[in-house]
C-alpha atoms as a PDB file:
ATOM      1  CA  MET A   1      18.131  -7.798  11.074  1.00  0.00           C
ATOM      2  CA  ARG A   2      17.453 -10.063   8.103  1.00  0.00           C
ATOM      3  CA  ARG A   3      13.979 -11.606   7.976  1.00  0.00           C
ATOM      4  CA  ASP A   4      13.624 -15.024   6.321  1.00  0.00           C
ATOM      5  CA  VAL A   5      10.094 -15.599   4.995  1.00  0.00           C
ATOM      6  CA  ARG A   6      10.539 -19.224   3.976  1.00  0.00           C
ATOM      7  CA  GLY A   7       7.685 -21.210   5.444  1.00  0.00           C
ATOM      8  CA  ARG A   8       6.099 -18.081   6.945  1.00  0.00           C
ATOM      9  CA  VAL A   9       2.429 -17.281   6.360  1.00  0.00           C
ATOM     10  CA  VAL A  10       2.009 -13.935   4.612  1.00  0.00           C
ATOM     11  CA  LEU A  11      -1.392 -12.326   3.961  1.00  0.00           C
ATOM     12  CA  VAL A  12      -1.258  -9.959   0.974  1.00  0.00           C
ATOM     13  CA  THR A  13      -4.166  -7.571   0.329  1.00  0.00           C
ATOM     14  CA  GLY A  14      -4.837  -6.131  -3.114  1.00  0.00           C
ATOM     15  CA  ALA A  15      -3.134  -9.208  -4.559  1.00  0.00           C
ATOM     16  CA  SER A  16      -5.150  -9.517  -7.757  1.00  0.00           C
ATOM     17  CA  ARG A  17      -3.268  -6.810  -9.660  1.00  0.00           C
ATOM     18  CA  GLY A  18      -0.588  -4.117  -9.602  1.00  0.00           C
ATOM     19  CA  ILE A  19       1.854  -3.920  -6.734  1.00  0.00           C
ATOM     20  CA  GLY A  20       0.053  -6.492  -4.583  1.00  0.00           C
ATOM     21  CA  ARG A  21       0.218  -9.097  -7.341  1.00  0.00           C
ATOM     22  CA  ARG A  22       3.909  -8.510  -7.940  1.00  0.00           C
ATOM     23  CA  VAL A  23       4.653  -8.618  -4.218  1.00  0.00           C
ATOM     24  CA  ALA A  24       2.943 -12.013  -4.062  1.00  0.00           C
ATOM     25  CA  GLU A  25       5.006 -13.297  -6.973  1.00  0.00           C
ATOM     26  CA  ARG A  26       8.258 -12.274  -5.283  1.00  0.00           C
ATOM     27  CA  LEU A  27       7.295 -13.727  -1.926  1.00  0.00           C
ATOM     28  CA  ALA A  28       6.388 -17.026  -3.581  1.00  0.00           C
ATOM     29  CA  LYS A  29       9.907 -17.241  -5.046  1.00  0.00           C
ATOM     30  CA  LEU A  30      11.301 -16.705  -1.543  1.00  0.00           C
ATOM     31  CA  GLY A  31       9.344 -19.670  -0.199  1.00  0.00           C
ATOM     32  CA  ALA A  32       6.626 -17.823   1.705  1.00  0.00           C
ATOM     33  CA  ILE A  33       3.224 -19.431   2.287  1.00  0.00           C
ATOM     34  CA  LEU A  34       0.718 -17.037   0.747  1.00  0.00           C
ATOM     35  CA  ALA A  35      -2.829 -16.035   1.637  1.00  0.00           C
ATOM     36  CA  LEU A  36      -4.074 -13.755  -1.127  1.00  0.00           C
ATOM     37  CA  THR A  37      -7.062 -11.466  -0.941  1.00  0.00           C
ATOM     38  CA  ALA A  38      -8.820  -8.988  -3.227  1.00  0.00           C
ATOM     39  CA  ARG A  39     -12.345  -8.524  -4.536  1.00  0.00           C
ATOM     40  CA  SER A  40     -11.814 -10.334  -7.853  1.00  0.00           C
ATOM     41  CA  VAL A  41     -12.065 -14.100  -7.367  1.00  0.00           C
ATOM     42  CA  ASP A  42     -11.137 -14.818 -10.994  1.00  0.00           C
ATOM     43  CA  ASP A  43      -7.971 -12.706 -10.938  1.00  0.00           C
ATOM     44  CA  LEU A  44      -6.895 -14.183  -7.606  1.00  0.00           C
ATOM     45  CA  THR A  45      -7.487 -17.732  -8.835  1.00  0.00           C
ATOM     46  CA  THR A  46      -5.489 -17.103 -11.998  1.00  0.00           C
ATOM     47  CA  LEU A  47      -2.573 -15.784  -9.952  1.00  0.00           C
ATOM     48  CA  ALA A  48      -2.791 -18.617  -7.420  1.00  0.00           C
ATOM     49  CA  ASP A  49      -2.770 -21.252 -10.173  1.00  0.00           C
ATOM     50  CA  ALA A  50       0.303 -19.678 -11.742  1.00  0.00           C
ATOM     51  CA  LEU A  51       2.144 -19.586  -8.402  1.00  0.00           C
ATOM     52  CA  LYS A  52       1.145 -23.135  -7.496  1.00  0.00           C
ATOM     53  CA  ALA A  53       2.591 -24.290 -10.807  1.00  0.00           C
ATOM     54  CA  THR A  54       5.982 -23.105  -9.539  1.00  0.00           C
ATOM     55  CA  GLY A  55       5.620 -25.108  -6.339  1.00  0.00           C
ATOM     56  CA  ALA A  56       4.383 -22.319  -4.083  1.00  0.00           C
ATOM     57  CA  ARG A  57       1.820 -22.930  -1.368  1.00  0.00           C
ATOM     58  CA  VAL A  58      -1.011 -20.470  -1.987  1.00  0.00           C
ATOM     59  CA  GLU A  59      -4.640 -20.079  -0.987  1.00  0.00           C
ATOM     60  CA  VAL A  60      -7.191 -17.474  -2.069  1.00  0.00           C
ATOM     61  CA  PHE A  61      -9.632 -15.700   0.255  1.00  0.00           C
ATOM     62  CA  ALA A  62     -11.595 -13.172  -1.776  1.00  0.00           C
ATOM     63  CA  GLY A  63     -13.534 -10.374  -0.138  1.00  0.00           C
ATOM     64  CA  ASP A  64     -14.216  -6.662   0.219  1.00  0.00           C
ATOM     65  CA  LEU A  65     -11.897  -5.187   2.845  1.00  0.00           C
ATOM     66  CA  THR A  66     -14.270  -2.298   3.477  1.00  0.00           C
ATOM     67  CA  LYS A  67     -16.691  -4.801   5.037  1.00  0.00           C
ATOM     68  CA  SER A  68     -16.122  -5.863   8.636  1.00  0.00           C
ATOM     69  CA  GLU A  69     -17.422  -9.390   8.122  1.00  0.00           C
ATOM     70  CA  ASP A  70     -15.100  -9.941   5.150  1.00  0.00           C
ATOM     71  CA  ARG A  71     -12.032  -8.742   7.044  1.00  0.00           C
ATOM     72  CA  THR A  72     -12.781 -11.062   9.945  1.00  0.00           C
ATOM     73  CA  ARG A  73     -13.472 -13.991   7.625  1.00  0.00           C
ATOM     74  CA  ILE A  74     -10.312 -13.508   5.569  1.00  0.00           C
ATOM     75  CA  VAL A  75      -8.026 -13.478   8.601  1.00  0.00           C
ATOM     76  CA  SER A  76      -9.891 -16.356  10.272  1.00  0.00           C
ATOM     77  CA  GLN A  77      -9.753 -18.503   7.130  1.00  0.00           C
ATOM     78  CA  THR A  78      -6.057 -17.802   6.751  1.00  0.00           C
ATOM     79  CA  VAL A  79      -5.327 -18.965  10.293  1.00  0.00           C
ATOM     80  CA  GLU A  80      -7.627 -21.970   9.971  1.00  0.00           C
ATOM     81  CA  CYS A  81      -5.966 -23.017   6.722  1.00  0.00           C
ATOM     82  CA  PHE A  82      -2.319 -22.503   7.671  1.00  0.00           C
ATOM     83  CA  GLY A  83      -2.427 -22.588  11.463  1.00  0.00           C
ATOM     84  CA  ARG A  84      -0.999 -19.115  11.979  1.00  0.00           C
ATOM     85  CA  LEU A  85      -0.332 -15.665  10.507  1.00  0.00           C
ATOM     86  CA  ASP A  86       3.189 -14.214  10.424  1.00  0.00           C
ATOM     87  CA  VAL A  87       3.063 -11.149   8.149  1.00  0.00           C
ATOM     88  CA  LEU A  88       0.352  -8.747   6.969  1.00  0.00           C
ATOM     89  CA  MET A  89       1.076  -6.849   3.735  1.00  0.00           C
ATOM     90  CA  ASN A  90      -1.385  -3.952   3.246  1.00  0.00           C
ATOM     91  CA  CYS A  91      -1.137  -3.311  -0.502  1.00  0.00           C
ATOM     92  CA  ALA A  92      -4.755  -2.570  -1.464  1.00  0.00           C
ATOM     93  CA  GLY A  93      -5.752   0.986  -2.341  1.00  0.00           C
ATOM     94  CA  VAL A  94      -7.459   3.426  -4.692  1.00  0.00           C
ATOM     95  CA  CYS A  95      -6.648   6.921  -5.916  1.00  0.00           C
ATOM     96  CA  SER A  96      -8.597  10.045  -6.825  1.00  0.00           C
ATOM     97  CA  PHE A  97      -6.978  12.521  -9.227  1.00  0.00           C
ATOM     98  CA  GLY A  98      -8.830  15.825  -9.337  1.00  0.00           C
ATOM     99  CA  GLU A  99      -9.353  19.147  -7.591  1.00  0.00           C
ATOM    100  CA  PHE A 100     -11.105  19.329  -4.215  1.00  0.00           C
ATOM    101  CA  SER A 101     -13.500  21.992  -5.544  1.00  0.00           C
ATOM    102  CA  SER A 102     -14.953  19.530  -8.081  1.00  0.00           C
ATOM    103  CA  SER A 103     -15.031  16.534  -5.738  1.00  0.00           C
ATOM    104  CA  SER A 104     -17.779  15.280  -3.445  1.00  0.00           C
ATOM    105  CA  GLU A 105     -18.336  13.833  -0.010  1.00  0.00           C
ATOM    106  CA  GLU A 106     -18.928  10.445  -1.626  1.00  0.00           C
ATOM    107  CA  VAL A 107     -15.460  10.417  -3.214  1.00  0.00           C
ATOM    108  CA  VAL A 108     -13.731  11.556  -0.020  1.00  0.00           C
ATOM    109  CA  ARG A 109     -15.446   8.867   2.043  1.00  0.00           C
ATOM    110  CA  LYS A 110     -14.702   6.157  -0.537  1.00  0.00           C
ATOM    111  CA  VAL A 111     -10.991   6.986  -0.644  1.00  0.00           C
ATOM    112  CA  LEU A 112     -10.706   7.117   3.154  1.00  0.00           C
ATOM    113  CA  GLU A 113     -12.677   3.871   3.488  1.00  0.00           C
ATOM    114  CA  VAL A 114     -10.377   1.923   1.157  1.00  0.00           C
ATOM    115  CA  ASN A 115      -7.029   3.571   1.874  1.00  0.00           C
ATOM    116  CA  PHE A 116      -7.344   4.102   5.617  1.00  0.00           C
ATOM    117  CA  PHE A 117     -10.190   2.407   7.465  1.00  0.00           C
ATOM    118  CA  ALA A 118      -9.898  -0.943   5.642  1.00  0.00           C
ATOM    119  CA  PRO A 119      -6.166  -1.508   6.301  1.00  0.00           C
ATOM    120  CA  VAL A 120      -6.471  -0.113   9.827  1.00  0.00           C
ATOM    121  CA  GLU A 121      -9.167  -2.638  10.694  1.00  0.00           C
ATOM    122  CA  MET A 122      -7.238  -5.428   8.955  1.00  0.00           C
ATOM    123  CA  ILE A 123      -4.400  -4.633  11.354  1.00  0.00           C
ATOM    124  CA  ARG A 124      -6.804  -4.780  14.298  1.00  0.00           C
ATOM    125  CA  VAL A 125      -8.088  -8.227  13.294  1.00  0.00           C
ATOM    126  CA  ALA A 126      -4.635  -9.589  12.440  1.00  0.00           C
ATOM    127  CA  ALA A 127      -2.758  -8.229  15.480  1.00  0.00           C
ATOM    128  CA  PRO A 128      -3.655 -11.029  17.946  1.00  0.00           C
ATOM    129  CA  HIS A 129      -2.467 -13.667  15.477  1.00  0.00           C
ATOM    130  CA  LEU A 130       0.747 -11.771  14.755  1.00  0.00           C
ATOM    131  CA  THR A 131       1.357 -11.490  18.487  1.00  0.00           C
ATOM    132  CA  ARG A 132       0.902 -15.250  18.801  1.00  0.00           C
ATOM    133  CA  SER A 133       3.438 -15.716  16.003  1.00  0.00           C
ATOM    134  CA  PHE A 134       6.010 -13.828  18.065  1.00  0.00           C
ATOM    135  CA  GLU A 135       5.168 -15.603  21.311  1.00  0.00           C
ATOM    136  CA  THR A 136       5.456 -19.070  19.802  1.00  0.00           C
ATOM    137  CA  ALA A 137       8.611 -18.417  17.764  1.00  0.00           C
ATOM    138  CA  ARG A 138      11.667 -20.421  18.751  1.00  0.00           C
ATOM    139  CA  ASP A 139      14.179 -18.847  16.373  1.00  0.00           C
ATOM    140  CA  GLY A 140      13.990 -15.118  17.137  1.00  0.00           C
ATOM    141  CA  TRP A 141      11.334 -14.549  14.481  1.00  0.00           C
ATOM    142  CA  ARG A 142       9.527 -11.202  14.562  1.00  0.00           C
ATOM    143  CA  PRO A 143       6.222 -10.852  12.728  1.00  0.00           C
ATOM    144  CA  ALA A 144       5.620  -7.729  10.665  1.00  0.00           C
ATOM    145  CA  ILE A 145       3.014  -5.415   9.230  1.00  0.00           C
ATOM    146  CA  VAL A 146       4.056  -3.723   5.982  1.00  0.00           C
ATOM    147  CA  ASN A 147       1.960  -0.686   5.062  1.00  0.00           C
ATOM    148  CA  LEU A 148       2.161   0.469   1.462  1.00  0.00           C
ATOM    149  CA  ALA A 149       1.268   4.156   1.668  1.00  0.00           C
ATOM    150  CA  SER A 150       2.539   6.911  -0.652  1.00  0.00           C
ATOM    151  CA  ILE A 151       4.845   9.893  -0.659  1.00  0.00           C
ATOM    152  CA  CYS A 152       1.511  11.767  -0.645  1.00  0.00           C
ATOM    153  CA  GLY A 153       1.428  10.762   3.009  1.00  0.00           C
ATOM    154  CA  ARG A 154       4.441  12.982   3.658  1.00  0.00           C
ATOM    155  CA  TRP A 155       3.553  15.986   1.496  1.00  0.00           C
ATOM    156  CA  GLY A 156       0.218  17.124   0.089  1.00  0.00           C
ATOM    157  CA  ILE A 157       0.123  17.080  -3.718  1.00  0.00           C
ATOM    158  CA  PRO A 158      -2.238  19.457  -5.583  1.00  0.00           C
ATOM    159  CA  SER A 159      -5.077  17.709  -7.470  1.00  0.00           C
ATOM    160  CA  MET A 160      -4.841  14.727  -5.102  1.00  0.00           C
ATOM    161  CA  SER A 161      -6.399  16.077  -1.910  1.00  0.00           C
ATOM    162  CA  GLU A 162      -8.476  13.004  -0.993  1.00  0.00           C
ATOM    163  CA  HIS A 163      -5.627  10.624  -1.739  1.00  0.00           C
ATOM    164  CA  CYS A 164      -3.180  12.705   0.297  1.00  0.00           C
ATOM    165  CA  ALA A 165      -5.586  12.908   3.226  1.00  0.00           C
ATOM    166  CA  SER A 166      -5.975   9.124   3.333  1.00  0.00           C
ATOM    167  CA  LYS A 167      -2.242   8.501   3.067  1.00  0.00           C
ATOM    168  CA  HIS A 168      -1.349  11.131   5.710  1.00  0.00           C
ATOM    169  CA  ALA A 169      -3.735   9.368   8.072  1.00  0.00           C
ATOM    170  CA  PHE A 170      -2.235   5.976   7.205  1.00  0.00           C
ATOM    171  CA  VAL A 171       1.319   7.233   7.749  1.00  0.00           C
ATOM    172  CA  GLY A 172       0.393   8.762  11.100  1.00  0.00           C
ATOM    173  CA  LEU A 173      -1.247   5.569  12.280  1.00  0.00           C
ATOM    174  CA  THR A 174       1.748   3.519  11.120  1.00  0.00           C
ATOM    175  CA  GLU A 175       4.124   5.646  13.164  1.00  0.00           C
ATOM    176  CA  SER A 176       1.933   5.357  16.256  1.00  0.00           C
ATOM    177  CA  LEU A 177       1.541   1.601  15.944  1.00  0.00           C
ATOM    178  CA  ARG A 178       5.271   1.163  15.468  1.00  0.00           C
ATOM    179  CA  GLY A 179       5.753   2.261  19.060  1.00  0.00           C
ATOM    180  CA  GLU A 180       2.661   0.541  20.475  1.00  0.00           C
ATOM    181  CA  PHE A 181       3.301  -2.817  18.829  1.00  0.00           C
ATOM    182  CA  GLU A 182       6.898  -3.068  19.985  1.00  0.00           C
ATOM    183  CA  ARG A 183       5.634  -4.623  23.205  1.00  0.00           C
ATOM    184  CA  PHE A 184       3.971  -7.361  21.129  1.00  0.00           C
ATOM    185  CA  GLY A 185       7.138  -8.063  19.149  1.00  0.00           C
ATOM    186  CA  ILE A 186       5.545  -6.853  15.888  1.00  0.00           C
ATOM    187  CA  ASP A 187       7.527  -4.678  13.475  1.00  0.00           C
ATOM    188  CA  VAL A 188       5.480  -2.030  11.623  1.00  0.00           C
ATOM    189  CA  LEU A 189       7.094  -0.955   8.348  1.00  0.00           C
ATOM    190  CA  LEU A 190       6.230   1.832   5.893  1.00  0.00           C
ATOM    191  CA  VAL A 191       6.835   2.059   2.137  1.00  0.00           C
ATOM    192  CA  LEU A 192       6.335   5.365   0.289  1.00  0.00           C
ATOM    193  CA  PRO A 193       6.222   5.088  -3.506  1.00  0.00           C
ATOM    194  CA  GLY A 194       5.580   8.005  -5.788  1.00  0.00           C
ATOM    195  CA  LEU A 195       3.419   7.881  -8.902  1.00  0.00           C
ATOM    196  CA  VAL A 196       3.160   4.252 -10.003  1.00  0.00           C
ATOM    197  CA  ARG A 197       2.676   3.120 -13.590  1.00  0.00           C
ATOM    198  CA  SER A 198       0.147   0.338 -13.998  1.00  0.00           C
ATOM    199  CA  ASP A 199      -1.568  -1.382 -16.918  1.00  0.00           C
ATOM    200  CA  ASP A 200      -4.886  -1.037 -15.098  1.00  0.00           C
ATOM    201  CA  LEU A 201      -4.421   2.488 -13.748  1.00  0.00           C
ATOM    202  CA  GLN A 202      -7.989   3.459 -14.586  1.00  0.00           C
ATOM    203  CA  LYS A 203      -9.291   0.834 -12.151  1.00  0.00           C
ATOM    204  CA  HIS A 204      -7.424   2.581  -9.328  1.00  0.00           C
ATOM    205  CA  LEU A 205      -8.675   6.080 -10.161  1.00  0.00           C
ATOM    206  CA  LEU A 206     -12.065   7.082  -8.791  1.00  0.00           C
ATOM    207  CA  ARG A 207     -11.582  10.340 -10.712  1.00  0.00           C
ATOM    208  CA  ASN A 208      -9.158  11.211 -13.500  1.00  0.00           C
ATOM    209  CA  GLU A 209      -9.684  14.920 -14.069  1.00  0.00           C
ATOM    210  CA  GLY A 210      -6.795  16.561 -12.239  1.00  0.00           C
ATOM    211  CA  LYS A 211      -5.331  19.728 -13.695  1.00  0.00           C
ATOM    212  CA  ILE A 212      -1.803  19.458 -12.342  1.00  0.00           C
ATOM    213  CA  HIS A 213       0.578  17.776 -14.796  1.00  0.00           C
ATOM    214  CA  LEU A 214       1.522  14.256 -13.732  1.00  0.00           C
ATOM    215  CA  ASN A 215       3.626  12.091 -16.018  1.00  0.00           C
ATOM    216  CA  PHE A 216       1.772   8.794 -15.729  1.00  0.00           C
ATOM    217  CA  GLU A 217       3.761   7.282 -18.597  1.00  0.00           C
ATOM    218  CA  GLY A 218       7.040   8.071 -16.874  1.00  0.00           C
ATOM    219  CA  ALA A 219       5.883   6.856 -13.456  1.00  0.00           C
ATOM    220  CA  GLN A 220       7.540   4.088 -11.451  1.00  0.00           C
ATOM    221  CA  PRO A 221       6.912   0.550 -12.692  1.00  0.00           C
ATOM    222  CA  SER A 222       4.944  -1.676 -10.332  1.00  0.00           C
ATOM    223  CA  ASP A 223       7.822  -4.154 -10.344  1.00  0.00           C
ATOM    224  CA  GLU A 224      10.199  -1.546  -8.938  1.00  0.00           C
ATOM    225  CA  VAL A 225       7.839  -0.714  -6.106  1.00  0.00           C
ATOM    226  CA  ALA A 226       7.174  -4.395  -5.360  1.00  0.00           C
ATOM    227  CA  ASP A 227      10.919  -5.033  -5.104  1.00  0.00           C
ATOM    228  CA  SER A 228      11.196  -2.268  -2.501  1.00  0.00           C
ATOM    229  CA  VAL A 229       8.207  -3.551  -0.544  1.00  0.00           C
ATOM    230  CA  VAL A 230       9.720  -7.026  -0.294  1.00  0.00           C
ATOM    231  CA  ARG A 231      13.193  -5.680   0.534  1.00  0.00           C
ATOM    232  CA  SER A 232      11.686  -3.580   3.314  1.00  0.00           C
ATOM    233  CA  LEU A 233      10.195  -6.726   4.810  1.00  0.00           C
ATOM    234  CA  LEU A 234      13.369  -8.774   4.453  1.00  0.00           C
ATOM    235  CA  ASN A 235      15.673  -6.038   5.785  1.00  0.00           C
ATOM    236  CA  ASN A 236      13.212  -4.740   8.371  1.00  0.00           C
ATOM    237  CA  ARG A 237      13.419  -1.246   6.887  1.00  0.00           C
ATOM    238  CA  VAL A 238      11.273   1.047   9.053  1.00  0.00           C
ATOM    239  CA  GLU A 239      10.550   3.552   6.276  1.00  0.00           C
ATOM    240  CA  ARG A 240      11.524   3.566   2.614  1.00  0.00           C
ATOM    241  CA  ALA A 241      10.847   6.187  -0.055  1.00  0.00           C
ATOM    242  CA  VAL A 242      10.758   4.426  -3.438  1.00  0.00           C
ATOM    243  CA  GLY A 243      12.099   6.079  -6.580  1.00  0.00           C
ATOM    244  CA  PHE A 244      13.913   9.361  -7.177  1.00  0.00           C
ATOM    245  CA  ALA A 245      10.833  11.608  -7.191  1.00  0.00           C
ATOM    246  CA  SER A 246       9.522  10.091  -3.986  1.00  0.00           C
ATOM    247  CA  TRP A 247      12.918  10.262  -2.331  1.00  0.00           C
ATOM    248  CA  TRP A 248      13.342  13.901  -3.438  1.00  0.00           C
ATOM    249  CA  VAL A 249      10.055  14.935  -1.816  1.00  0.00           C
ATOM    250  CA  TRP A 250      10.839  12.851   1.298  1.00  0.00           C
ATOM    251  CA  PHE A 251      14.311  14.412   1.664  1.00  0.00           C
ATOM    252  CA  GLY A 252      13.251  17.870   0.526  1.00  0.00           C
ATOM    253  CA  LYS A 253      10.535  18.148   3.153  1.00  0.00           C
ATOM    254  CA  ARG A 254      13.160  17.678   5.844  1.00  0.00           C
ATOM    255  CA  MET A 255      15.901  19.833   4.375  1.00  0.00           C
ATOM    256  CA  PHE A 256      14.249  22.312   1.974  1.00  0.00           C
ATOM    257  CA  PRO A 257      10.521  22.568   2.821  1.00  0.00           C
ATOM    258  CA  ARG A 258      10.186  26.016   1.238  1.00  0.00           C
ATOM    259  CA  GLY A 259      11.696  24.711  -1.985  1.00  0.00           C
ATOM    260  CA  VAL A 260       9.251  21.806  -2.153  1.00  0.00           C
ATOM    261  CA  ARG A 261       6.349  24.138  -1.389  1.00  0.00           C
ATOM    262  CA  PHE A 262       7.436  26.507  -4.177  1.00  0.00           C
ATOM    263  CA  PHE A 263       7.736  23.571  -6.596  1.00  0.00           C
ATOM    264  CA  MET A 264       4.180  22.442  -5.839  1.00  0.00           C
ATOM    265  CA  GLN A 265       2.791  25.969  -6.124  1.00  0.00           C
ATOM    266  CA  ARG A 266       4.596  26.398  -9.438  1.00  0.00           C
ATOM    267  CA  LYS A 267       2.759  23.380 -10.836  1.00  0.00           C
ATOM    268  CA  VAL A 268      -0.551  24.986  -9.881  1.00  0.00           C
ATOM    269  CA  TRP A 269       0.440  28.300 -11.441  1.00  0.00           C
ATOM    270  CA  LYS A 270       1.263  26.469 -14.678  1.00  0.00           C
ATOM    271  CA  TYR A 271      -2.155  24.848 -15.037  1.00  0.00           C
ATOM    272  CA  ALA A 272      -3.828  28.141 -14.062  1.00  0.00           C
ATOM    273  CA  ARG A 273      -1.994  29.859 -16.928  1.00  0.00           C
ATOM    274  CA  ARG A 274      -2.965  27.054 -19.326  1.00  0.00           C
ATOM    275  CA  GLU A 275      -6.619  27.463 -18.391  1.00  0.00           C
ATOM    276  CA  LYS A 276      -6.431  31.225 -18.818  1.00  0.00           C
ATOM    277  CA  ARG A 277      -4.907  30.882 -22.287  1.00  0.00           C
ATOM    278  CA  ALA A 278      -7.506  28.286 -23.262  1.00  0.00           C
ATOM    279  CA  GLY A 279     -10.260  30.630 -22.128  1.00  0.00           C
ATOM    280  CA  VAL A 280      -8.891  33.485 -24.233  1.00  0.00           C
ATOM    281  CA  VAL A 281      -8.693  31.259 -27.289  1.00  0.00           C
END
C-alpha cells in the first residue's frame, strides 16, 4: 500500500523543534494540510510562516499535551478549521538520562506523563475523527496513527530507566491498538529510532547525568529519523527501526538476546571501573 498525503489533514505533535519540525517540513513538500502543535507559540509560528511561504496550508494550535483540556481543544480546532482529521503523528517527547538510584518519583511521573499518557490520550481524542475519515473516504484511503517511540521500547538501556519504561509502555499500547483499530480502518504504525542528535538536546533531557557512555555527537541526525517517519506513513510500514544501532538492537533481541544483554552489561562494567579508578585517584 502506498499512502498519498496530498490534501490530507495531518496533526503533528512536538512540531516546534527536532524530529517533529522536520516531519512537518517533509509533509508540507508532499502537499499535506498541516495542523501543528507544541507548547512554544513563537517557534510554531516561525515554522508555519516558513511553510506557508512555500505554498503549504498550515495552521498552529499551541498547547500542553499533558493537559486534558488542551488535547481536546487542539483536536477540535483542527477539525473545525479543516473539516476533518486524517493522520495523527505523535512526535512529542522528553528524555531522562541518569541512573534510577539517583532519580525521583517526580522525574518518573514527568517522563511517563509526556511520553506515554499524553500521546495515548491524544489518540483517544483523535480516534473518532480518524474513523470518520475512513468511513467517508471514496478512494480507499486509510487514516493512520504514527507513533514515534524509541528502540528503548524494545530493550532496556542502562542509565535510561524512566525513558525505557515510558517507551516500552508506548510500544505495547501501539501493538494492542494496531489490532483493535483495524475494525475502524485505522492503521497504527511504529517508528523506533536510536539516539538522536539534536541542536536543542538539553531541552529534551530532564536529567543529563547518566554514567553509561552514549555518543551524543555520533547519534542519528533528526533529518534521518524524520525521513523514516514519513516513509513509514507513505509505505504503511507497521514497524521500522531507524539507523544501524537501533536496527542492531531490534534484530539482536530476536536472534541473539544473550549477546545484547552481555553488551549492555559490559557498558555498565566499564563505567563502574571508571568510577573505581577515579575514587582511587
